PDB file of N, CA and C in Angstrom:
ATOM      1  N   MET A   1     -30.735  -5.669 -22.498  1.00  0.00           N
ATOM      2  CA  MET A   1     -31.159  -4.813 -23.589  1.00  0.00           C
ATOM      3  C   MET A   1     -32.582  -4.308 -23.348  1.00  0.00           C
ATOM      4  N   ALA A   2     -33.393  -5.151 -22.725  1.00  0.00           N
ATOM      5  CA  ALA A   2     -34.772  -4.752 -22.448  1.00  0.00           C
ATOM      6  C   ALA A   2     -34.800  -3.581 -21.470  1.00  0.00           C
ATOM      7  N   GLU A   3     -33.856  -3.591 -20.531  1.00  0.00           N
ATOM      8  CA  GLU A   3     -33.794  -2.489 -19.557  1.00  0.00           C
ATOM      9  C   GLU A   3     -33.452  -1.177 -20.271  1.00  0.00           C
ATOM     10  N   GLU A   4     -32.545  -1.246 -21.245  1.00  0.00           N
ATOM     11  CA  GLU A   4     -32.163  -0.056 -22.007  1.00  0.00           C
ATOM     12  C   GLU A   4     -33.357   0.475 -22.808  1.00  0.00           C
ATOM     13  N   GLU A   5     -34.134  -0.448 -23.398  1.00  0.00           N
ATOM     14  CA  GLU A   5     -35.324  -0.035 -24.160  1.00  0.00           C
ATOM     15  C   GLU A   5     -36.356   0.605 -23.233  1.00  0.00           C
ATOM     16  N   ASN A   6     -36.485   0.096 -22.005  1.00  0.00           N
ATOM     17  CA  ASN A   6     -37.414   0.689 -21.039  1.00  0.00           C
ATOM     18  C   ASN A   6     -36.991   2.109 -20.673  1.00  0.00           C
ATOM     19  N   LYS A   7     -35.686   2.317 -20.539  1.00  0.00           N
ATOM     20  CA  LYS A   7     -35.192   3.660 -20.207  1.00  0.00           C
ATOM     21  C   LYS A   7     -35.457   4.623 -21.360  1.00  0.00           C
ATOM     22  N   ILE A   8     -35.279   4.143 -22.599  1.00  0.00           N
ATOM     23  CA  ILE A   8     -35.536   4.999 -23.767  1.00  0.00           C
ATOM     24  C   ILE A   8     -37.016   5.345 -23.847  1.00  0.00           C
ATOM     25  N   ALA A   9     -37.873   4.332 -23.639  1.00  0.00           N
ATOM     26  CA  ALA A   9     -39.324   4.565 -23.679  1.00  0.00           C
ATOM     27  C   ALA A   9     -39.744   5.518 -22.570  1.00  0.00           C
ATOM     28  N   ASN A  10     -39.178   5.357 -21.391  1.00  0.00           N
ATOM     29  CA  ASN A  10     -39.484   6.235 -20.260  1.00  0.00           C
ATOM     30  C   ASN A  10     -39.037   7.666 -20.566  1.00  0.00           C
ATOM     31  N   PHE A  11     -37.866   7.822 -21.181  1.00  0.00           N
ATOM     32  CA  PHE A  11     -37.357   9.131 -21.566  1.00  0.00           C
ATOM     33  C   PHE A  11     -38.302   9.821 -22.561  1.00  0.00           C
ATOM     34  N   ILE A  12     -38.724   9.062 -23.586  1.00  0.00           N
ATOM     35  CA  ILE A  12     -39.621   9.630 -24.608  1.00  0.00           C
ATOM     36  C   ILE A  12     -40.970   9.997 -24.007  1.00  0.00           C
ATOM     37  N   ASP A  13     -41.514   9.127 -23.147  1.00  0.00           N
ATOM     38  CA  ASP A  13     -42.801   9.420 -22.502  1.00  0.00           C
ATOM     39  C   ASP A  13     -42.717  10.675 -21.640  1.00  0.00           C
ATOM     40  N   THR A  14     -41.621  10.827 -20.927  1.00  0.00           N
ATOM     41  CA  THR A  14     -41.445  11.996 -20.063  1.00  0.00           C
ATOM     42  C   THR A  14     -41.315  13.266 -20.899  1.00  0.00           C
ATOM     43  N   LEU A  15     -40.612  13.182 -22.029  1.00  0.00           N
ATOM     44  CA  LEU A  15     -40.508  14.334 -22.931  1.00  0.00           C
ATOM     45  C   LEU A  15     -41.876  14.685 -23.515  1.00  0.00           C
ATOM     46  N   ASP A  16     -42.644  13.663 -23.877  1.00  0.00           N
ATOM     47  CA  ASP A  16     -43.968  13.867 -24.456  1.00  0.00           C
ATOM     48  C   ASP A  16     -44.893  14.578 -23.475  1.00  0.00           C
ATOM     49  N   LYS A  17     -44.738  14.312 -22.182  1.00  0.00           N
ATOM     50  CA  LYS A  17     -45.560  14.959 -21.151  1.00  0.00           C
ATOM     51  C   LYS A  17     -45.103  16.395 -20.899  1.00  0.00           C
ATOM     52  N   GLY A  18     -43.928  16.757 -21.432  1.00  0.00           N
ATOM     53  CA  GLY A  18     -43.434  18.116 -21.245  1.00  0.00           C
ATOM     54  C   GLY A  18     -42.611  18.290 -19.983  1.00  0.00           C
ATOM     55  N   ASP A  19     -42.290  17.211 -19.311  1.00  0.00           N
ATOM     56  CA  ASP A  19     -41.490  17.270 -18.081  1.00  0.00           C
ATOM     57  C   ASP A  19     -40.011  17.182 -18.451  1.00  0.00           C
ATOM     58  N   ASN A  20     -39.482  18.294 -18.956  1.00  0.00           N
ATOM     59  CA  ASN A  20     -38.107  18.308 -19.470  1.00  0.00           C
ATOM     60  C   ASN A  20     -37.059  18.087 -18.378  1.00  0.00           C
ATOM     61  N   ALA A  21     -37.291  18.600 -17.188  1.00  0.00           N
ATOM     62  CA  ALA A  21     -36.321  18.444 -16.103  1.00  0.00           C
ATOM     63  C   ALA A  21     -36.169  16.966 -15.739  1.00  0.00           C
ATOM     64  N   ASN A  22     -37.279  16.289 -15.584  1.00  0.00           N
ATOM     65  CA  ASN A  22     -37.230  14.863 -15.242  1.00  0.00           C
ATOM     66  C   ASN A  22     -36.676  14.044 -16.411  1.00  0.00           C
ATOM     67  N   ALA A  23     -37.005  14.449 -17.642  1.00  0.00           N
ATOM     68  CA  ALA A  23     -36.488  13.758 -18.824  1.00  0.00           C
ATOM     69  C   ALA A  23     -34.964  13.896 -18.876  1.00  0.00           C
ATOM     70  N   GLY A  24     -34.442  15.048 -18.490  1.00  0.00           N
ATOM     71  CA  GLY A  24     -32.994  15.252 -18.453  1.00  0.00           C
ATOM     72  C   GLY A  24     -32.324  14.314 -17.460  1.00  0.00           C
ATOM     73  N   ASP A  25     -32.966  14.137 -16.303  1.00  0.00           N
ATOM     74  CA  ASP A  25     -32.417  13.220 -15.301  1.00  0.00           C
ATOM     75  C   ASP A  25     -32.428  11.783 -15.812  1.00  0.00           C
ATOM     76  N   ILE A  26     -33.516  11.393 -16.477  1.00  0.00           N
ATOM     77  CA  ILE A  26     -33.612  10.038 -17.035  1.00  0.00           C
ATOM     78  C   ILE A  26     -32.540   9.839 -18.097  1.00  0.00           C
ATOM     79  N   PHE A  27     -32.337  10.852 -18.934  1.00  0.00           N
ATOM     80  CA  PHE A  27     -31.314  10.773 -19.982  1.00  0.00           C
ATOM     81  C   PHE A  27     -29.921  10.623 -19.365  1.00  0.00           C
ATOM     82  N   LYS A  28     -29.631  11.417 -18.322  1.00  0.00           N
ATOM     83  CA  LYS A  28     -28.328  11.343 -17.655  1.00  0.00           C
ATOM     84  C   LYS A  28     -28.102   9.964 -17.048  1.00  0.00           C
ATOM     85  N   ASP A  29     -29.157   9.403 -16.415  1.00  0.00           N
ATOM     86  CA  ASP A  29     -29.035   8.070 -15.824  1.00  0.00           C
ATOM     87  C   ASP A  29     -28.755   7.014 -16.890  1.00  0.00           C
ATOM     88  N   ALA A  30     -29.473   7.105 -18.022  1.00  0.00           N
ATOM     89  CA  ALA A  30     -29.269   6.133 -19.097  1.00  0.00           C
ATOM     90  C   ALA A  30     -27.859   6.253 -19.669  1.00  0.00           C
ATOM     91  N   LEU A  31     -27.412   7.474 -19.855  1.00  0.00           N
ATOM     92  CA  LEU A  31     -26.065   7.700 -20.395  1.00  0.00           C
ATOM     93  C   LEU A  31     -24.999   7.214 -19.415  1.00  0.00           C
ATOM     94  N   ARG A  32     -25.213   7.471 -18.119  1.00  0.00           N
ATOM     95  CA  ARG A  32     -24.274   7.040 -17.086  1.00  0.00           C
ATOM     96  C   ARG A  32     -24.171   5.509 -17.074  1.00  0.00           C
ATOM     97  N   ASP A  33     -25.316   4.818 -17.194  1.00  0.00           N
ATOM     98  CA  ASP A  33     -25.311   3.356 -17.216  1.00  0.00           C
ATOM     99  C   ASP A  33     -24.573   2.822 -18.437  1.00  0.00           C
ATOM    100  N   LYS A  34     -24.783   3.471 -19.583  1.00  0.00           N
ATOM    101  CA  LYS A  34     -24.129   3.019 -20.812  1.00  0.00           C
ATOM    102  C   LYS A  34     -22.616   3.206 -20.725  1.00  0.00           C
ATOM    103  N   VAL A  35     -22.174   4.329 -20.199  1.00  0.00           N
ATOM    104  CA  VAL A  35     -20.740   4.582 -20.046  1.00  0.00           C
ATOM    105  C   VAL A  35     -20.136   3.608 -19.033  1.00  0.00           C
ATOM    106  N   ALA A  36     -20.848   3.359 -17.933  1.00  0.00           N
ATOM    107  CA  ALA A  36     -20.343   2.425 -16.919  1.00  0.00           C
ATOM    108  C   ALA A  36     -20.201   1.024 -17.505  1.00  0.00           C
ATOM    109  N   SER A  37     -21.156   0.601 -18.310  1.00  0.00           N
ATOM    110  CA  SER A  37     -21.076  -0.726 -18.939  1.00  0.00           C
ATOM    111  C   SER A  37     -19.881  -0.805 -19.886  1.00  0.00           C
ATOM    112  N   ALA A  38     -19.657   0.245 -20.657  1.00  0.00           N
ATOM    113  CA  ALA A  38     -18.528   0.263 -21.583  1.00  0.00           C
ATOM    114  C   ALA A  38     -17.196   0.239 -20.821  1.00  0.00           C
ATOM    115  N   LEU A  39     -17.120   0.978 -19.724  1.00  0.00           N
ATOM    116  CA  LEU A  39     -15.897   0.982 -18.915  1.00  0.00           C
ATOM    117  C   LEU A  39     -15.645  -0.387 -18.294  1.00  0.00           C
ATOM    118  N   ASP A  40     -16.701  -1.035 -17.803  1.00  0.00           N
ATOM    119  CA  ASP A  40     -16.540  -2.366 -17.220  1.00  0.00           C
ATOM    120  C   ASP A  40     -16.030  -3.356 -18.256  1.00  0.00           C
ATOM    121  N   ALA A  41     -16.580  -3.286 -19.474  1.00  0.00           N
ATOM    122  CA  ALA A  41     -16.127  -4.183 -20.540  1.00  0.00           C
ATOM    123  C   ALA A  41     -14.662  -3.921 -20.871  1.00  0.00           C
ATOM    124  N   GLN A  42     -14.263  -2.661 -20.901  1.00  0.00           N
ATOM    125  CA  GLN A  42     -12.868  -2.315 -21.197  1.00  0.00           C
ATOM    126  C   GLN A  42     -11.945  -2.791 -20.081  1.00  0.00           C
ATOM    127  N   ARG A  43     -12.379  -2.659 -18.832  1.00  0.00           N
ATOM    128  CA  ARG A  43     -11.575  -3.130 -17.696  1.00  0.00           C
ATOM    129  C   ARG A  43     -11.334  -4.633 -17.791  1.00  0.00           C
ATOM    130  N   ILE A  44     -12.362  -5.370 -18.182  1.00  0.00           N
ATOM    131  CA  ILE A  44     -12.236  -6.819 -18.309  1.00  0.00           C
ATOM    132  C   ILE A  44     -11.224  -7.162 -19.395  1.00  0.00           C
ATOM    133  N   GLU A  45     -11.282  -6.467 -20.512  1.00  0.00           N
ATOM    134  CA  GLU A  45     -10.332  -6.722 -21.603  1.00  0.00           C
ATOM    135  C   GLU A  45      -8.899  -6.409 -21.176  1.00  0.00           C
ATOM    136  N   VAL A  46      -8.716  -5.307 -20.480  1.00  0.00           N
ATOM    137  CA  VAL A  46      -7.371  -4.937 -20.025  1.00  0.00           C
ATOM    138  C   VAL A  46      -6.873  -5.948 -19.002  1.00  0.00           C
ATOM    139  N   ALA A  47      -7.746  -6.366 -18.090  1.00  0.00           N
ATOM    140  CA  ALA A  47      -7.346  -7.329 -17.063  1.00  0.00           C
ATOM    141  C   ALA A  47      -6.959  -8.666 -17.686  1.00  0.00           C
ATOM    142  N   LYS A  48      -7.622  -9.060 -18.754  1.00  0.00           N
ATOM    143  CA  LYS A  48      -7.290 -10.324 -19.409  1.00  0.00           C
ATOM    144  C   LYS A  48      -5.918 -10.266 -20.062  1.00  0.00           C
ATOM    145  N   SER A  49      -5.563  -9.126 -20.629  1.00  0.00           N
ATOM    146  CA  SER A  49      -4.324  -9.043 -21.395  1.00  0.00           C
ATOM    147  C   SER A  49      -3.142  -8.506 -20.602  1.00  0.00           C
ATOM    148  N   ILE A  50      -3.380  -7.951 -19.453  1.00  0.00           N
ATOM    149  CA  ILE A  50      -2.295  -7.265 -18.745  1.00  0.00           C
ATOM    150  C   ILE A  50      -1.219  -8.225 -18.241  1.00  0.00           C
ATOM    151  N   PHE A  51      -1.597  -9.429 -17.811  1.00  0.00           N
ATOM    152  CA  PHE A  51      -0.610 -10.335 -17.251  1.00  0.00           C
ATOM    153  C   PHE A  51      -0.319 -11.533 -18.145  1.00  0.00           C
ATOM    154  N   ASN A  52      -0.860 -11.578 -19.342  1.00  0.00           N
ATOM    155  CA  ASN A  52      -0.584 -12.688 -20.241  1.00  0.00           C
ATOM    156  C   ASN A  52       0.877 -12.657 -20.670  1.00  0.00           C
ATOM    157  N   GLY A  53       1.570 -13.767 -20.432  1.00  0.00           N
ATOM    158  CA  GLY A  53       2.970 -13.865 -20.834  1.00  0.00           C
ATOM    159  C   GLY A  53       3.935 -13.198 -19.879  1.00  0.00           C
ATOM    160  N   ALA A  54       3.441 -12.552 -18.861  1.00  0.00           N
ATOM    161  CA  ALA A  54       4.333 -11.882 -17.910  1.00  0.00           C
ATOM    162  C   ALA A  54       4.756 -12.871 -16.837  1.00  0.00           C
ATOM    163  N   GLU A  55       6.027 -12.807 -16.477  1.00  0.00           N
ATOM    164  CA  GLU A  55       6.527 -13.660 -15.417  1.00  0.00           C
ATOM    165  C   GLU A  55       6.772 -12.817 -14.178  1.00  0.00           C
ATOM    166  N   ALA A  56       6.634 -13.453 -13.039  1.00  0.00           N
ATOM    167  CA  ALA A  56       6.815 -12.743 -11.773  1.00  0.00           C
ATOM    168  C   ALA A  56       8.260 -12.281 -11.636  1.00  0.00           C
ATOM    169  N   GLN A  57       8.433 -11.077 -11.178  1.00  0.00           N
ATOM    170  CA  GLN A  57       9.757 -10.512 -10.948  1.00  0.00           C
ATOM    171  C   GLN A  57      10.053 -10.577  -9.457  1.00  0.00           C
ATOM    172  N   PRO A  58      11.328 -10.732  -9.093  1.00  0.00           N
ATOM    173  CA  PRO A  58      11.644 -10.710  -7.665  1.00  0.00           C
ATOM    174  C   PRO A  58      11.306  -9.336  -7.095  1.00  0.00           C
ATOM    175  N   HIS A  59      10.762  -9.327  -5.898  1.00  0.00           N
ATOM    176  CA  HIS A  59      10.322  -8.067  -5.307  1.00  0.00           C
ATOM    177  C   HIS A  59      11.419  -7.332  -4.553  1.00  0.00           C
ATOM    178  N   SER A  60      12.545  -7.994  -4.314  1.00  0.00           N
ATOM    179  CA  SER A  60      13.625  -7.292  -3.624  1.00  0.00           C
ATOM    180  C   SER A  60      14.952  -7.969  -3.938  1.00  0.00           C
ATOM    181  N   ASP A  61      16.027  -7.339  -3.523  1.00  0.00           N
ATOM    182  CA  ASP A  61      17.358  -7.912  -3.694  1.00  0.00           C
ATOM    183  C   ASP A  61      17.546  -9.067  -2.719  1.00  0.00           C
ATOM    184  N   ALA A  62      18.566  -9.812  -2.948  1.00  0.00           N
ATOM    185  CA  ALA A  62      18.877 -10.916  -2.040  1.00  0.00           C
ATOM    186  C   ALA A  62      19.191 -10.367  -0.652  1.00  0.00           C
ATOM    187  N   LYS A  63      18.939 -11.185   0.338  1.00  0.00           N
ATOM    188  CA  LYS A  63      19.189 -10.756   1.712  1.00  0.00           C
ATOM    189  C   LYS A  63      20.696 -10.597   1.930  1.00  0.00           C
ATOM    190  N   PRO A  64      21.114  -9.571   2.699  1.00  0.00           N
ATOM    191  CA  PRO A  64      22.538  -9.383   2.960  1.00  0.00           C
ATOM    192  C   PRO A  64      23.071 -10.451   3.914  1.00  0.00           C
ATOM    193  N   HIS A  65      24.371 -10.668   3.873  1.00  0.00           N
ATOM    194  CA  HIS A  65      25.005 -11.620   4.781  1.00  0.00           C
ATOM    195  C   HIS A  65      24.989 -11.037   6.191  1.00  0.00           C
ATOM    196  N   VAL A  66      24.519 -11.834   7.141  1.00  0.00           N
ATOM    197  CA  VAL A  66      24.465 -11.391   8.531  1.00  0.00           C
ATOM    198  C   VAL A  66      25.240 -12.403   9.358  1.00  0.00           C
ATOM    199  N   THR A  67      26.141 -11.905  10.203  1.00  0.00           N
ATOM    200  CA  THR A  67      26.904 -12.820  11.050  1.00  0.00           C
ATOM    201  C   THR A  67      26.027 -13.309  12.185  1.00  0.00           C
ATOM    202  N   ASP A  68      26.413 -14.438  12.733  1.00  0.00           N
ATOM    203  CA  ASP A  68      25.674 -14.987  13.867  1.00  0.00           C
ATOM    204  C   ASP A  68      25.859 -14.082  15.073  1.00  0.00           C
ATOM    205  N   PRO A  69      24.801 -13.905  15.857  1.00  0.00           N
ATOM    206  CA  PRO A  69      24.959 -13.070  17.054  1.00  0.00           C
ATOM    207  C   PRO A  69      25.871 -13.778  18.061  1.00  0.00           C
ATOM    208  N   ASN A  70      26.828 -13.057  18.571  1.00  0.00           N
ATOM    209  CA  ASN A  70      27.780 -13.600  19.536  1.00  0.00           C
ATOM    210  C   ASN A  70      27.654 -12.828  20.837  1.00  0.00           C
ATOM    211  N   PRO A  71      28.083 -13.444  21.926  1.00  0.00           N
ATOM    212  CA  PRO A  71      28.181 -12.639  23.149  1.00  0.00           C
ATOM    213  C   PRO A  71      29.273 -11.590  22.948  1.00  0.00           C
ATOM    214  N   GLU A  72      29.274 -10.599  23.790  1.00  0.00           N
ATOM    215  CA  GLU A  72      30.240  -9.503  23.633  1.00  0.00           C
ATOM    216  C   GLU A  72      31.662 -10.036  23.699  1.00  0.00           C
ATOM    217  N   THR A  73      32.415  -9.728  22.693  1.00  0.00           N
ATOM    218  CA  THR A  73      33.815 -10.146  22.640  1.00  0.00           C
ATOM    219  C   THR A  73      34.656  -8.967  22.185  1.00  0.00           C
ATOM    220  N   GLY A  74      35.927  -9.148  22.092  1.00  0.00           N
ATOM    221  CA  GLY A  74      36.815  -8.105  21.617  1.00  0.00           C
ATOM    222  C   GLY A  74      36.965  -8.143  20.105  1.00  0.00           C
ATOM    223  N   VAL A  75      36.226  -9.005  19.441  1.00  0.00           N
ATOM    224  CA  VAL A  75      36.343  -9.163  17.994  1.00  0.00           C
ATOM    225  C   VAL A  75      35.411  -8.169  17.307  1.00  0.00           C
ATOM    226  N   VAL A  76      35.960  -7.434  16.332  1.00  0.00           N
ATOM    227  CA  VAL A  76      35.160  -6.497  15.549  1.00  0.00           C
ATOM    228  C   VAL A  76      34.991  -7.107  14.168  1.00  0.00           C
ATOM    229  N   VAL A  77      33.735  -7.168  13.676  1.00  0.00           N
ATOM    230  CA  VAL A  77      33.446  -7.801  12.399  1.00  0.00           C
ATOM    231  C   VAL A  77      32.777  -6.778  11.495  1.00  0.00           C
ATOM    232  N   ASP A  78      33.210  -6.712  10.224  1.00  0.00           N
ATOM    233  CA  ASP A  78      32.581  -5.781   9.286  1.00  0.00           C
ATOM    234  C   ASP A  78      31.309  -6.385   8.713  1.00  0.00           C
ATOM    235  N   THR A  79      30.637  -5.649   7.833  1.00  0.00           N
ATOM    236  CA  THR A  79      29.345  -6.092   7.303  1.00  0.00           C
ATOM    237  C   THR A  79      29.456  -7.315   6.414  1.00  0.00           C
ATOM    238  N   ALA A  80      30.634  -7.612   5.916  1.00  0.00           N
ATOM    239  CA  ALA A  80      30.834  -8.800   5.086  1.00  0.00           C
ATOM    240  C   ALA A  80      31.181 -10.019   5.936  1.00  0.00           C
ATOM    241  N   GLY A  81      31.319  -9.841   7.258  1.00  0.00           N
ATOM    242  CA  GLY A  81      31.622 -10.959   8.140  1.00  0.00           C
ATOM    243  C   GLY A  81      33.098 -11.196   8.372  1.00  0.00           C
ATOM    244  N   HIS A  82      33.945 -10.273   7.911  1.00  0.00           N
ATOM    245  CA  HIS A  82      35.391 -10.416   8.083  1.00  0.00           C
ATOM    246  C   HIS A  82      35.837  -9.707   9.352  1.00  0.00           C
ATOM    247  N   GLU A  83      36.801 -10.315  10.037  1.00  0.00           N
ATOM    248  CA  GLU A  83      37.311  -9.722  11.273  1.00  0.00           C
ATOM    249  C   GLU A  83      38.138  -8.481  10.945  1.00  0.00           C
ATOM    250  N   VAL A  84      37.929  -7.422  11.731  1.00  0.00           N
ATOM    251  CA  VAL A  84      38.663  -6.177  11.565  1.00  0.00           C
ATOM    252  C   VAL A  84      39.631  -6.072  12.732  1.00  0.00           C
ATOM    253  N   GLN A  85      40.895  -5.799  12.409  1.00  0.00           N
ATOM    254  CA  GLN A  85      41.908  -5.670  13.458  1.00  0.00           C
ATOM    255  C   GLN A  85      41.722  -4.350  14.184  1.00  0.00           C
ATOM    256  N   PHE A  86      41.722  -4.420  15.519  1.00  0.00           N
ATOM    257  CA  PHE A  86      41.549  -3.240  16.357  1.00  0.00           C
ATOM    258  C   PHE A  86      42.893  -2.886  16.959  1.00  0.00           C
ATOM    259  N   THR A  87      43.287  -1.622  16.782  1.00  0.00           N
ATOM    260  CA  THR A  87      44.521  -1.154  17.408  1.00  0.00           C
ATOM    261  C   THR A  87      44.164  -0.056  18.390  1.00  0.00           C
ATOM    262  N   ASP A  88      44.645  -0.207  19.594  1.00  0.00           N
ATOM    263  CA  ASP A  88      44.354   0.749  20.663  1.00  0.00           C
ATOM    264  C   ASP A  88      45.122   2.040  20.392  1.00  0.00           C
ATOM    265  N   ASN A  89      44.417   3.173  20.405  1.00  0.00           N
ATOM    266  CA  ASN A  89      45.068   4.454  20.154  1.00  0.00           C
ATOM    267  C   ASN A  89      45.431   5.179  21.445  1.00  0.00           C
ATOM    268  N   GLY A  90      45.197   4.535  22.577  1.00  0.00           N
ATOM    269  CA  GLY A  90      45.580   5.123  23.852  1.00  0.00           C
ATOM    270  C   GLY A  90      44.504   6.004  24.468  1.00  0.00           C
ATOM    271  N   ASN A  91      43.438   6.320  23.756  1.00  0.00           N
ATOM    272  CA  ASN A  91      42.367   7.143  24.316  1.00  0.00           C
ATOM    273  C   ASN A  91      41.545   6.321  25.301  1.00  0.00           C
ATOM    274  N   GLU A  92      41.047   7.011  26.337  1.00  0.00           N
ATOM    275  CA  GLU A  92      40.215   6.344  27.327  1.00  0.00           C
ATOM    276  C   GLU A  92      38.842   6.050  26.714  1.00  0.00           C
ATOM    277  N   GLN A  93      38.382   4.842  26.918  1.00  0.00           N
ATOM    278  CA  GLN A  93      37.088   4.449  26.383  1.00  0.00           C
ATOM    279  C   GLN A  93      35.986   4.956  27.310  1.00  0.00           C
ATOM    280  N   PRO A  94      34.877   5.434  26.753  1.00  0.00           N
ATOM    281  CA  PRO A  94      33.778   5.921  27.602  1.00  0.00           C
ATOM    282  C   PRO A  94      33.145   4.773  28.374  1.00  0.00           C
ATOM    283  N   GLN A  95      32.709   5.078  29.566  1.00  0.00           N
ATOM    284  CA  GLN A  95      32.052   4.091  30.418  1.00  0.00           C
ATOM    285  C   GLN A  95      30.567   4.455  30.507  1.00  0.00           C
ATOM    286  N   PRO A  96      29.685   3.473  30.552  1.00  0.00           N
ATOM    287  CA  PRO A  96      28.256   3.789  30.666  1.00  0.00           C
ATOM    288  C   PRO A  96      27.970   4.438  32.011  1.00  0.00           C
ATOM    289  N   GLU A  97      27.031   5.380  31.987  1.00  0.00           N
ATOM    290  CA  GLU A  97      26.644   6.066  33.220  1.00  0.00           C
ATOM    291  C   GLU A  97      25.755   5.145  34.041  1.00  0.00           C
ATOM    292  N   ALA A  98      25.800   5.341  35.356  1.00  0.00           N
ATOM    293  CA  ALA A  98      24.956   4.541  36.246  1.00  0.00           C
ATOM    294  C   ALA A  98      23.505   4.926  36.012  1.00  0.00           C
ATOM    295  N   GLU A  99      22.622   3.939  36.042  1.00  0.00           N
ATOM    296  CA  GLU A  99      21.205   4.218  35.837  1.00  0.00           C
ATOM    297  C   GLU A  99      20.617   4.850  37.086  1.00  0.00           C
ATOM    298  N   VAL A 100      19.760   5.852  36.892  1.00  0.00           N
ATOM    299  CA  VAL A 100      19.087   6.522  37.990  1.00  0.00           C
ATOM    300  C   VAL A 100      17.742   5.840  38.172  1.00  0.00           C
ATOM    301  N   PRO A 101      17.407   5.375  39.383  1.00  0.00           N
ATOM    302  CA  PRO A 101      16.115   4.715  39.576  1.00  0.00           C
ATOM    303  C   PRO A 101      14.966   5.699  39.338  1.00  0.00           C
ATOM    304  N   VAL A 102      13.914   5.208  38.696  1.00  0.00           N
ATOM    305  CA  VAL A 102      12.747   6.018  38.407  1.00  0.00           C
ATOM    306  C   VAL A 102      11.724   5.777  39.497  1.00  0.00           C
ATOM    307  N   ALA A 103      11.120   6.872  39.993  1.00  0.00           N
ATOM    308  CA  ALA A 103      10.118   6.760  41.048  1.00  0.00           C
ATOM    309  C   ALA A 103       8.904   6.024  40.520  1.00  0.00           C
ATOM    310  N   ASP A 104       8.336   5.158  41.342  1.00  0.00           N
ATOM    311  CA  ASP A 104       7.135   4.409  40.979  1.00  0.00           C
ATOM    312  C   ASP A 104       5.929   5.307  41.230  1.00  0.00           C
ATOM    313  N   GLU A 105       5.270   5.721  40.155  1.00  0.00           N
ATOM    314  CA  GLU A 105       4.153   6.656  40.270  1.00  0.00           C
ATOM    315  C   GLU A 105       2.898   6.004  40.806  1.00  0.00           C
ATOM    316  N   SER A 106       2.840   4.680  40.856  1.00  0.00           N
ATOM    317  CA  SER A 106       1.640   4.023  41.358  1.00  0.00           C
ATOM    318  C   SER A 106       1.564   4.061  42.876  1.00  0.00           C
ATOM    319  N   GLN A 107       2.718   4.296  43.528  1.00  0.00           N
ATOM    320  CA  GLN A 107       2.749   4.375  44.985  1.00  0.00           C
ATOM    321  C   GLN A 107       2.515   5.828  45.428  1.00  0.00           C
ATOM    322  N   PRO A 108       1.672   6.043  46.402  1.00  0.00           N
ATOM    323  CA  PRO A 108       1.443   7.420  46.864  1.00  0.00           C
ATOM    324  C   PRO A 108       2.697   7.946  47.569  1.00  0.00           C
ATOM    325  N   THR A 109       2.960   9.239  47.351  1.00  0.00           N
ATOM    326  CA  THR A 109       4.093   9.884  48.011  1.00  0.00           C
ATOM    327  C   THR A 109       3.588  10.587  49.251  1.00  0.00           C
ATOM    328  N   THR A 110       4.424  10.613  50.276  1.00  0.00           N
ATOM    329  CA  THR A 110       4.010  11.270  51.520  1.00  0.00           C
ATOM    330  C   THR A 110       4.770  12.526  51.751  1.00  0.00           C
TER     331      THR A 110
END
């Protein structure tokens, strides 16, 4: 409170000297400090009451069922973990293409 009284006294003294521009700056600073103090007090009140009585909510749904990783087999499993019957339709299955070796750029070429 003493600091606020000093700002008021400084404001009045500056006005009395006729330095209106500087008095305006002092007034703005005092007003800014008062508003900041009021906002801080309001923030504290809101922070105290915002979580009172509130319980934590789960942040996501339950994890989906995931089957154990298996080596490659002929068994097809759906997302629920149930086996899906595969019937061959007679179409030729695609084969992976042979990998093309990549030139090693660290070795100089001649």
